[in-house]
Amino acid sequence: MLNFRLQALFALSGAPVVRMLEGRYGITRREWRLLAWLAESGPLSPSALAEATQLDRARTSRAIGNLTGKGLINRIAERHDPRRAMVSLTPTGQALYEQVFPAVAQLNAQLVEVLDEAQLHVLDIALTQLTTHARAVNQRVATEVKTMRQAGGSRRLHSP
């Protein structure tokens, strides 16, 4: 099954990145993901950051709190509604991104070095097509089938 193979590849290829991030830089993979996204996109609301990085809002909120505590990002509440905020990199966060990104890119290059240019091109096209199609399938299933979490849907089997 595709998802199991992709998850296995993600776990294997991500392990050196996690080790490096946590051991050398004191940040988690999730924190790195948020830092990198903010470095590339600029300031965002926490909700927009969660959506862009495809992380749930609660975990994103915790990571934002951790990164703020480490002095890597700023969370600035909006004047008219203090419940709303924008997050952005601090100069320290930007410097960390500039230090870490080349190391992560090098690990990525080592991972794909077994593929030639033609294979990389085909892989890129295939991943793009699969991502687009997965988005469509997800949307269709989300509208056809509703979760039943409030009724214990994650714990009980239901007849179709």
Protein backbone atom coordinates (compact mmCIF):
# COMPACT_ATOMS: atom_id res chain seq x y z
CA MET A 1 0.00 0.00 0.00
CA LEU A 2 1.31 3.40 -0.99
CA ASN A 3 0.67 5.11 2.36
CA PHE A 4 2.60 2.46 4.29
CA ARG A 5 5.56 2.65 1.93
CA LEU A 6 5.59 6.45 2.03
CA GLN A 7 5.36 6.42 5.83
CA ALA A 8 8.26 3.95 6.04
CA LEU A 9 10.34 6.13 3.71
CA PHE A 10 9.41 9.25 5.70
CA ALA A 11 10.45 7.60 8.97
CA LEU A 12 13.75 6.29 7.60
CA SER A 13 14.71 9.41 5.69
CA GLY A 14 13.55 11.73 8.44
CA ALA A 15 15.45 10.04 11.28
CA PRO A 16 18.78 11.75 10.50
CA VAL A 17 17.01 15.11 10.24
CA VAL A 18 15.29 14.59 13.60
CA ARG A 19 18.57 13.54 15.19
CA MET A 20 20.34 16.60 13.81
CA LEU A 21 17.53 19.05 14.70
CA GLU A 22 17.14 17.79 18.25
CA GLY A 23 20.80 17.02 18.96
CA ARG A 24 22.48 20.05 17.42
CA TYR A 25 19.81 22.73 17.41
CA GLY A 26 17.37 21.84 20.21
CA ILE A 27 14.24 21.94 18.05
CA THR A 28 11.79 19.27 16.99
CA ARG A 29 10.87 18.34 13.44
CA ARG A 30 7.50 20.07 13.88
CA GLU A 31 9.19 23.23 15.15
CA TRP A 32 11.58 23.11 12.19
CA ARG A 33 8.64 22.76 9.81
CA LEU A 34 7.02 25.89 11.22
CA LEU A 35 10.29 27.84 11.24
CA ALA A 36 11.04 26.89 7.64
CA TRP A 37 7.53 27.80 6.49
CA LEU A 38 7.70 31.18 8.19
CA ALA A 39 11.14 31.82 6.69
CA GLU A 40 9.81 31.11 3.22
CA SER A 41 6.38 32.74 3.50
CA GLY A 42 6.71 35.53 6.03
CA PRO A 43 4.34 36.28 8.93
CA LEU A 44 1.14 34.24 9.20
CA SER A 45 -1.69 33.71 11.62
CA PRO A 46 -1.39 30.51 13.67
CA SER A 47 -4.39 29.05 11.82
CA ALA A 48 -2.91 29.84 8.41
CA LEU A 49 0.42 28.36 9.52
CA ALA A 50 -1.29 25.17 10.68
CA GLU A 51 -3.14 24.86 7.39
CA ALA A 52 -0.08 25.61 5.28
CA THR A 53 2.06 23.04 7.10
CA GLN A 54 -0.80 20.52 7.26
CA LEU A 55 -0.57 20.23 11.03
CA ASP A 56 -3.48 20.29 13.45
CA ARG A 57 -4.10 23.57 15.22
CA ALA A 58 -3.53 22.28 18.76
CA ARG A 59 -0.07 20.91 17.98
CA THR A 60 0.76 24.02 15.98
CA SER A 61 -0.27 26.17 18.93
CA ARG A 62 1.97 24.18 21.30
CA ALA A 63 4.89 24.40 18.87
CA ILE A 64 4.34 28.15 18.52
CA GLY A 65 4.47 28.44 22.31
CA ASN A 66 7.70 26.41 22.42
CA LEU A 67 9.30 28.44 19.64
CA THR A 68 8.25 31.69 21.30
CA GLY A 69 9.78 30.47 24.56
CA LYS A 70 13.03 29.68 22.73
CA GLY A 71 13.08 33.19 21.27
CA LEU A 72 12.79 31.94 17.68
CA ILE A 73 9.43 33.44 16.76
CA ASN A 74 7.29 36.38 17.81
CA ARG A 75 3.57 36.06 18.42
CA ILE A 76 1.97 39.49 18.16
CA ALA A 77 -1.68 39.85 19.10
CA GLU A 78 -3.85 42.03 16.91
CA ARG A 79 -4.95 45.28 18.53
CA HIS A 80 -8.66 44.95 17.74
CA ASP A 81 -8.88 41.28 18.79
CA PRO A 82 -6.21 39.96 21.19
CA ARG A 83 -7.35 36.38 20.50
CA ARG A 84 -5.99 36.77 16.96
CA ALA A 85 -2.28 36.99 16.30
CA MET A 86 0.44 36.89 13.71
CA VAL A 87 3.61 34.86 14.10
CA SER A 88 6.94 35.66 12.51
CA LEU A 89 10.58 34.75 12.89
CA THR A 90 12.78 36.69 15.26
CA PRO A 91 16.28 37.58 14.05
CA THR A 92 17.49 34.58 16.09
CA GLY A 93 14.92 32.36 14.35
CA GLN A 94 15.98 33.64 10.93
CA ALA A 95 19.64 33.02 11.77
CA LEU A 96 18.80 29.47 12.92
CA TYR A 97 16.88 28.83 9.70
CA GLU A 98 19.85 30.06 7.63
CA GLN A 99 22.15 27.75 9.58
CA VAL A 100 19.93 24.66 9.54
CA PHE A 101 18.51 24.78 6.00
CA PRO A 102 21.77 23.89 4.21
CA ALA A 103 22.26 20.89 6.52
CA VAL A 104 18.71 19.64 5.90
CA ALA A 105 19.13 20.22 2.15
CA GLN A 106 22.37 18.20 2.24
CA LEU A 107 20.60 15.27 3.92
CA ASN A 108 17.86 15.50 1.28
CA ALA A 109 20.48 15.49 -1.49
CA GLN A 110 22.06 12.37 0.02
CA LEU A 111 18.66 10.66 0.03
CA VAL A 112 17.93 11.29 -3.65
CA GLU A 113 21.47 10.78 -4.95
CA VAL A 114 20.53 7.21 -5.95
CA LEU A 115 18.18 8.63 -8.60
CA ASP A 116 19.30 10.10 -11.92
CA GLU A 117 17.80 13.30 -13.35
CA ALA A 118 15.15 11.45 -15.36
CA GLN A 119 14.03 9.48 -12.30
CA LEU A 120 13.89 12.64 -10.20
CA HIS A 121 11.75 14.30 -12.87
CA VAL A 122 9.34 11.34 -12.99
CA LEU A 123 9.21 11.22 -9.19
CA ASP A 124 8.40 14.93 -9.05
CA ILE A 125 5.58 14.55 -11.58
CA ALA A 126 4.22 11.46 -9.82
CA LEU A 127 4.25 13.13 -6.39
CA THR A 128 2.52 16.21 -7.80
CA GLN A 129 -0.18 14.09 -9.45
CA LEU A 130 -0.66 11.95 -6.35
CA THR A 131 -0.91 15.02 -4.11
CA THR A 132 -3.49 16.67 -6.36
CA HIS A 133 -5.51 13.47 -6.62
CA ALA A 134 -5.26 12.77 -2.87
CA ARG A 135 -6.62 16.27 -2.20
CA ALA A 136 -9.61 15.53 -4.47
CA VAL A 137 -10.23 12.09 -2.93
CA ASN A 138 -9.97 13.57 0.54
CA GLN A 139 -12.49 16.27 -0.30
CA ARG A 140 -14.90 13.76 -1.84
CA VAL A 141 -14.70 11.37 1.10
CA ALA A 142 -14.98 14.24 3.59
CA THR A 143 -18.28 15.29 2.02
CA GLU A 144 -19.61 11.74 1.65
CA VAL A 145 -18.62 10.28 5.01
CA LYS A 146 -18.83 12.12 8.29
CA THR A 147 -16.79 11.11 11.32
CA MET A 148 -18.62 9.97 14.41
CA ARG A 149 -16.05 10.92 17.01
CA GLN A 150 -18.65 12.30 19.41
CA ALA A 151 -20.33 8.87 19.37
CA GLY A 152 -17.05 7.06 19.94
CA GLY A 153 -16.48 6.45 16.23
CA SER A 154 -12.79 5.95 16.77
CA ARG A 155 -13.44 3.16 19.25
CA ARG A 156 -16.44 1.30 17.82
CA LEU A 157 -17.06 -0.42 14.54
CA HIS A 158 -20.10 0.70 12.57
CA SER A 159 -21.87 -1.16 9.80
CA PRO A 160 -21.67 0.58 6.41
